[in-house]
């Protein structure tokens, strides 16, 4: 069983994130990179989405629920969380 994350792409140029037991690694052949964004931009977007998911996930452990997410024109996000005390 593998813990690799595979994002299928055209022409068998799949994006593969390899799990080493501690973290994922993306190995890229720049000659075959055929995506809408540069590799650097792609990684930046992944980091931003990971941050959002981490904030929401960790806040839910303390009883908060996301009620709204907004994306600003500069790419930043606003996450509105709410918690009720009973």
Protein backbone atom coordinates (compact mmCIF):
# COMPACT_ATOMS: atom_id res chain seq x y z
CA UNK A 1 0.00 0.00 0.00
CA UNK A 2 1.32 3.43 -0.95
CA UNK A 3 0.55 6.74 0.66
CA UNK A 4 1.55 8.68 -2.44
CA UNK A 5 -0.86 11.28 -3.74
CA UNK A 6 -1.27 11.09 -7.50
CA UNK A 7 -2.97 13.79 -9.56
CA UNK A 8 -3.66 12.27 -12.99
CA UNK A 9 -2.69 14.45 -15.96
CA UNK A 10 -2.77 14.11 -19.72
CA UNK A 11 -0.07 12.13 -21.54
CA UNK A 12 0.93 10.17 -18.42
CA UNK A 13 2.61 13.23 -16.93
CA UNK A 14 0.89 12.69 -13.58
CA UNK A 15 1.80 14.88 -10.63
CA UNK A 16 3.00 12.59 -7.86
CA UNK A 17 3.52 13.62 -4.27
CA UNK A 18 5.68 10.97 -2.58
CA UNK A 19 5.15 10.30 1.14
CA UNK A 20 8.36 9.51 3.05
CA UNK A 21 6.65 8.91 6.40
CA UNK A 22 7.07 12.52 7.52
CA UNK A 23 6.19 14.74 4.59
CA UNK A 24 5.22 14.79 0.95
CA UNK A 25 7.71 15.60 -1.79
CA UNK A 26 6.85 16.70 -5.31
CA UNK A 27 9.45 15.72 -7.89
CA UNK A 28 9.04 17.74 -11.07
CA UNK A 29 10.66 17.48 -14.47
CA UNK A 30 10.49 21.09 -15.66
CA UNK A 31 10.76 19.93 -19.28
CA UNK A 32 7.44 18.13 -18.95
CA UNK A 33 5.64 20.64 -16.70
CA UNK A 34 2.57 21.51 -18.73
CA UNK A 35 0.29 23.25 -16.26
CA UNK A 36 -1.53 26.55 -16.23
CA UNK A 37 0.76 27.88 -13.48
CA UNK A 38 4.49 27.74 -12.83
CA UNK A 39 5.77 25.15 -10.36
CA UNK A 40 6.48 27.90 -7.84
CA UNK A 41 2.96 29.32 -8.13
CA UNK A 42 1.50 25.81 -7.88
CA UNK A 43 3.38 25.13 -4.63
CA UNK A 44 2.34 28.53 -3.23
CA UNK A 45 -1.31 27.73 -3.92
CA UNK A 46 -0.97 24.34 -2.22
CA UNK A 47 0.57 26.00 0.85
CA UNK A 48 -2.27 28.54 1.05
CA UNK A 49 -4.95 25.85 0.80
CA UNK A 50 -3.14 23.74 3.39
CA UNK A 51 -3.06 26.74 5.74
CA UNK A 52 -6.81 27.30 5.33
CA UNK A 53 -7.59 23.62 5.94
CA UNK A 54 -5.32 23.59 9.00
CA UNK A 55 -6.92 26.70 10.50
CA UNK A 56 -10.43 25.35 9.97
CA UNK A 57 -9.53 21.87 11.22
CA UNK A 58 -7.76 23.08 14.35
CA UNK A 59 -10.49 25.61 15.17
CA UNK A 60 -13.13 22.89 14.92
CA UNK A 61 -11.32 21.03 17.70
CA UNK A 62 -12.23 23.98 19.94
CA UNK A 63 -15.87 24.10 18.87
CA UNK A 64 -15.61 26.71 16.13
CA UNK A 65 -17.38 26.24 12.82
CA UNK A 66 -16.53 28.02 9.58
CA UNK A 67 -19.47 30.15 8.53
CA UNK A 68 -17.96 32.06 5.62
CA UNK A 69 -14.84 32.15 3.47
CA UNK A 70 -14.04 35.07 1.24
CA UNK A 71 -11.21 35.43 -1.23
CA UNK A 72 -9.76 38.90 -1.70
CA UNK A 73 -8.52 40.22 -5.03
CA UNK A 74 -4.92 39.84 -3.80
CA UNK A 75 -5.45 36.11 -3.25
CA UNK A 76 -5.67 36.27 0.54
CA UNK A 77 -8.64 34.69 2.29
CA UNK A 78 -10.86 35.73 5.15
CA UNK A 79 -12.23 32.87 7.24
CA UNK A 80 -15.14 33.67 9.53
CA UNK A 81 -15.54 31.23 12.41
CA UNK A 82 -18.31 31.01 14.96
CA UNK A 83 -18.76 29.25 18.27
CA UNK A 84 -21.79 29.13 20.52
CA UNK A 85 -21.63 28.48 24.23
CA UNK A 86 -24.47 26.45 25.65
